[in-house]
Protein backbone atom coordinates (compact mmCIF):
# COMPACT_ATOMS: atom_id res chain seq x y z
CA MET A 1 111.49 -72.16 -9.29
CA GLN A 2 113.70 -73.45 -12.06
CA THR A 3 116.11 -76.34 -11.88
CA LEU A 4 119.02 -76.77 -14.25
CA SER A 5 120.39 -80.23 -14.96
CA GLY A 6 123.73 -81.40 -13.65
CA SER A 7 126.65 -81.79 -16.03
CA SER A 8 126.17 -85.55 -16.54
CA ASP A 9 122.74 -84.93 -18.09
CA ARG A 10 124.13 -82.22 -20.34
CA LEU A 11 126.51 -84.54 -22.17
CA GLN A 12 123.62 -86.72 -23.33
CA ASP A 13 121.59 -83.81 -24.65
CA PRO A 14 122.16 -83.53 -28.44
CA ARG A 15 121.56 -79.77 -28.33
CA ILE A 16 124.47 -79.35 -25.90
CA VAL A 17 126.77 -81.49 -28.05
CA MET A 18 125.78 -79.40 -31.08
CA ASN A 19 126.45 -76.21 -29.09
CA GLN A 20 129.92 -77.43 -28.11
CA GLU A 21 130.74 -78.11 -31.75
CA THR A 22 129.57 -74.65 -32.84
CA GLY A 23 131.36 -72.81 -30.00
CA ILE A 24 128.17 -71.75 -28.20
CA ASP A 25 128.13 -72.01 -24.42
CA THR A 26 125.23 -71.66 -21.99
CA TYR A 27 125.41 -69.25 -19.04
CA LEU A 28 123.16 -68.03 -16.25
CA LYS A 29 122.83 -64.24 -16.43
CA PHE A 30 122.07 -62.28 -13.24
CA ALA A 31 122.61 -58.96 -11.48
CA ILE A 32 125.48 -58.98 -9.00
CA ASP A 33 124.47 -55.51 -7.80
CA PRO A 34 122.36 -52.76 -9.43
CA GLN A 35 125.23 -51.74 -11.75
CA THR A 36 126.97 -55.06 -12.44
CA ILE A 37 125.82 -58.03 -14.53
CA GLY A 38 127.30 -61.48 -13.94
CA LEU A 39 127.47 -64.75 -15.82
CA LEU A 40 128.16 -68.26 -14.54
CA GLU A 41 128.68 -71.32 -16.70
CA SER A 42 125.56 -73.50 -16.57
CA GLU A 43 127.57 -76.61 -15.70
CA PHE A 44 128.15 -75.17 -12.21
CA ILE A 45 124.49 -74.27 -11.57
CA GLN A 46 122.44 -76.88 -9.75
CA GLU A 47 119.28 -74.88 -9.14
CA VAL A 48 117.85 -71.38 -9.31
CA LEU A 49 115.02 -70.35 -7.00
CA THR A 50 113.36 -67.55 -5.06
CA ILE A 51 112.99 -67.88 -1.29
CA GLU A 52 111.78 -65.75 1.59
CA ALA A 53 114.60 -63.98 3.37
CA THR A 54 113.45 -65.53 6.66
CA HIS A 55 114.47 -68.98 5.37
CA ILE A 56 118.12 -68.02 5.78
CA ARG A 57 119.22 -68.48 9.36
CA PRO A 58 122.00 -66.16 10.57
CA VAL A 59 125.22 -67.70 11.87
CA PRO A 60 127.35 -65.67 14.30
CA ASN A 61 131.08 -65.02 13.95
CA LYS A 62 131.23 -65.39 10.17
CA PRO A 63 132.36 -62.87 7.53
CA SER A 64 129.64 -60.33 6.74
CA CYS A 65 129.21 -61.69 3.19
CA ILE A 66 127.87 -64.93 4.71
CA LEU A 67 124.21 -64.19 5.33
CA GLY A 68 123.68 -67.51 7.11
CA ILE A 69 122.61 -71.03 6.24
CA LEU A 70 119.87 -72.32 3.99
CA SER A 71 118.35 -75.77 4.17
CA ARG A 72 117.39 -77.31 0.83
CA ARG A 73 116.50 -80.93 0.06
CA ARG A 74 117.91 -82.26 3.32
CA ARG A 75 121.21 -80.43 2.85
CA VAL A 76 122.48 -77.24 4.43
CA TYR A 77 124.29 -74.58 2.37
CA TRP A 78 126.05 -71.34 3.19
CA ALA A 79 124.07 -68.39 1.80
CA ILE A 80 126.48 -65.81 0.38
CA ASP A 81 125.81 -62.19 -0.58
CA LEU A 82 127.74 -62.41 -3.85
CA ALA A 83 128.07 -58.64 -4.29
CA MET A 84 129.56 -58.22 -0.82
CA LEU A 85 131.96 -61.13 -1.39
CA LEU A 86 133.14 -59.43 -4.59
CA GLY A 87 133.57 -56.04 -2.88
CA LEU A 88 130.58 -54.46 -4.61
CA GLN A 89 127.36 -52.89 -3.30
CA PRO A 90 125.79 -55.41 -0.86
CA LEU A 91 122.19 -56.55 -1.01
CA ASP A 92 119.48 -54.29 0.36
CA GLN A 93 118.80 -55.43 3.95
CA ASN A 94 115.04 -54.88 3.50
CA ILE A 95 114.56 -57.46 0.73
CA GLU A 96 111.81 -59.96 1.57
CA LEU A 97 112.53 -62.40 -1.27
CA TYR A 98 115.98 -63.58 -2.26
CA GLU A 99 117.04 -64.77 -5.70
CA VAL A 100 119.21 -67.83 -5.07
CA ILE A 101 121.74 -69.63 -7.28
CA LEU A 102 122.71 -73.05 -5.93
CA THR A 103 126.25 -73.53 -7.22
CA SER A 104 128.45 -76.60 -7.09
CA VAL A 105 132.05 -77.29 -8.12
CA GLN A 106 133.35 -80.80 -7.43
CA GLN A 107 132.52 -81.43 -3.74
CA LEU A 108 131.92 -77.76 -2.84
CA SER A 109 128.41 -76.28 -2.88
CA LEU A 110 126.89 -73.04 -1.69
CA THR A 111 124.10 -70.63 -2.51
CA LEU A 112 124.77 -67.23 -4.03
CA ILE A 113 122.19 -64.56 -3.20
CA VAL A 114 121.76 -61.95 -5.94
CA PRO A 115 119.23 -59.14 -6.52
CA LYS A 116 117.91 -60.44 -9.86
CA ILE A 117 118.23 -63.45 -12.14
CA PHE A 118 117.68 -62.70 -15.83
CA GLY A 119 117.77 -66.28 -17.13
CA VAL A 120 119.85 -68.51 -19.35
CA VAL A 121 121.77 -67.07 -22.31
CA ASN A 122 123.79 -68.66 -25.11
CA ILE A 123 127.02 -66.91 -26.04
CA THR A 124 129.46 -67.85 -28.77
CA SER A 125 133.04 -68.25 -27.59
CA ASP A 126 134.28 -65.58 -30.02
CA ARG A 127 132.18 -62.92 -28.22
CA LEU A 128 133.90 -63.59 -24.89
CA GLU A 129 136.65 -61.04 -24.24
CA GLN A 130 139.39 -61.20 -21.62
CA ASN A 131 140.95 -57.72 -21.44
CA ILE A 132 141.46 -57.51 -17.69
CA SER A 133 142.16 -53.74 -17.77
CA LEU A 134 138.42 -53.15 -18.33
CA VAL A 135 137.44 -55.20 -15.28
CA PRO A 136 136.80 -53.65 -11.84
CA SER A 137 139.71 -54.54 -9.56
CA THR A 138 137.44 -56.25 -7.01
CA LEU A 139 136.32 -58.77 -9.67
CA ARG A 140 139.75 -59.68 -11.05
CA SER A 141 140.45 -62.73 -8.89
CA TYR A 142 137.04 -64.16 -9.88
CA PHE A 143 137.18 -63.06 -13.53
CA LYS A 144 137.14 -65.40 -16.51
CA GLY A 145 135.97 -63.07 -19.26
CA TYR A 146 133.26 -60.61 -20.26
CA VAL A 147 130.77 -59.86 -22.99
CA ASN A 148 130.17 -56.29 -24.11
CA GLU A 149 126.72 -55.85 -25.66
CA LYS A 150 125.64 -52.30 -26.46
CA GLU A 151 127.93 -50.90 -23.74
CA GLU A 152 126.52 -53.36 -21.16
CA PHE A 153 129.28 -55.47 -19.68
CA SER A 154 128.41 -58.96 -18.44
CA TYR A 155 131.25 -60.45 -16.39
CA LEU A 156 131.85 -64.19 -16.58
CA LEU A 157 132.90 -65.33 -13.13
CA LYS A 158 134.96 -68.40 -12.21
CA ALA A 159 132.62 -70.47 -10.04
CA GLU A 160 135.52 -72.45 -8.61
CA ASN A 161 137.24 -69.25 -7.40
CA ILE A 162 134.05 -68.07 -5.71
CA LEU A 163 133.56 -71.36 -3.89
CA ARG A 164 137.21 -71.50 -2.85
CA SER A 165 137.44 -67.84 -1.82
CA THR A 166 139.70 -67.29 1.18
CA ILE A 167 137.08 -64.93 2.62
CA LEU A 168 134.65 -67.83 2.96
CA HIS A 169 137.22 -70.24 4.40
CA SER A 170 138.84 -68.01 7.00
């Protein structure tokens, strides 16, 4: 299990201040589905962990992208199949361990379930592209930019748009 610091701790870290001056930002890199790589800005990541699938309790009458609820540190979070929310290939139903990204924007928090977490990457702002015509249509409302490395596209997602998705609040 790995925990990433909240944004208030980041501002006091001299490495982060140096990175902001040089145009380097920190992102969490993960698989959204087997063919799609995602990025989230580290300031929106509270924690990254692996849990047993049985720790997510199903909740009836919710959109299919909501796998259920997850209890963590005396709080309860919605557990979201991120790929299904984004209209991509949903998680394999036979997975025994889930990769979990605990995400928070202002007062909203939830957990995003993804097939694989690759780790933290640093990307210079000049490498971030925003040509929306190269983005799958299902990602466009959550899209902030992308990085193209050796023909591998990593899509930077807007955490706030994911947490405020109308699908989750219907």
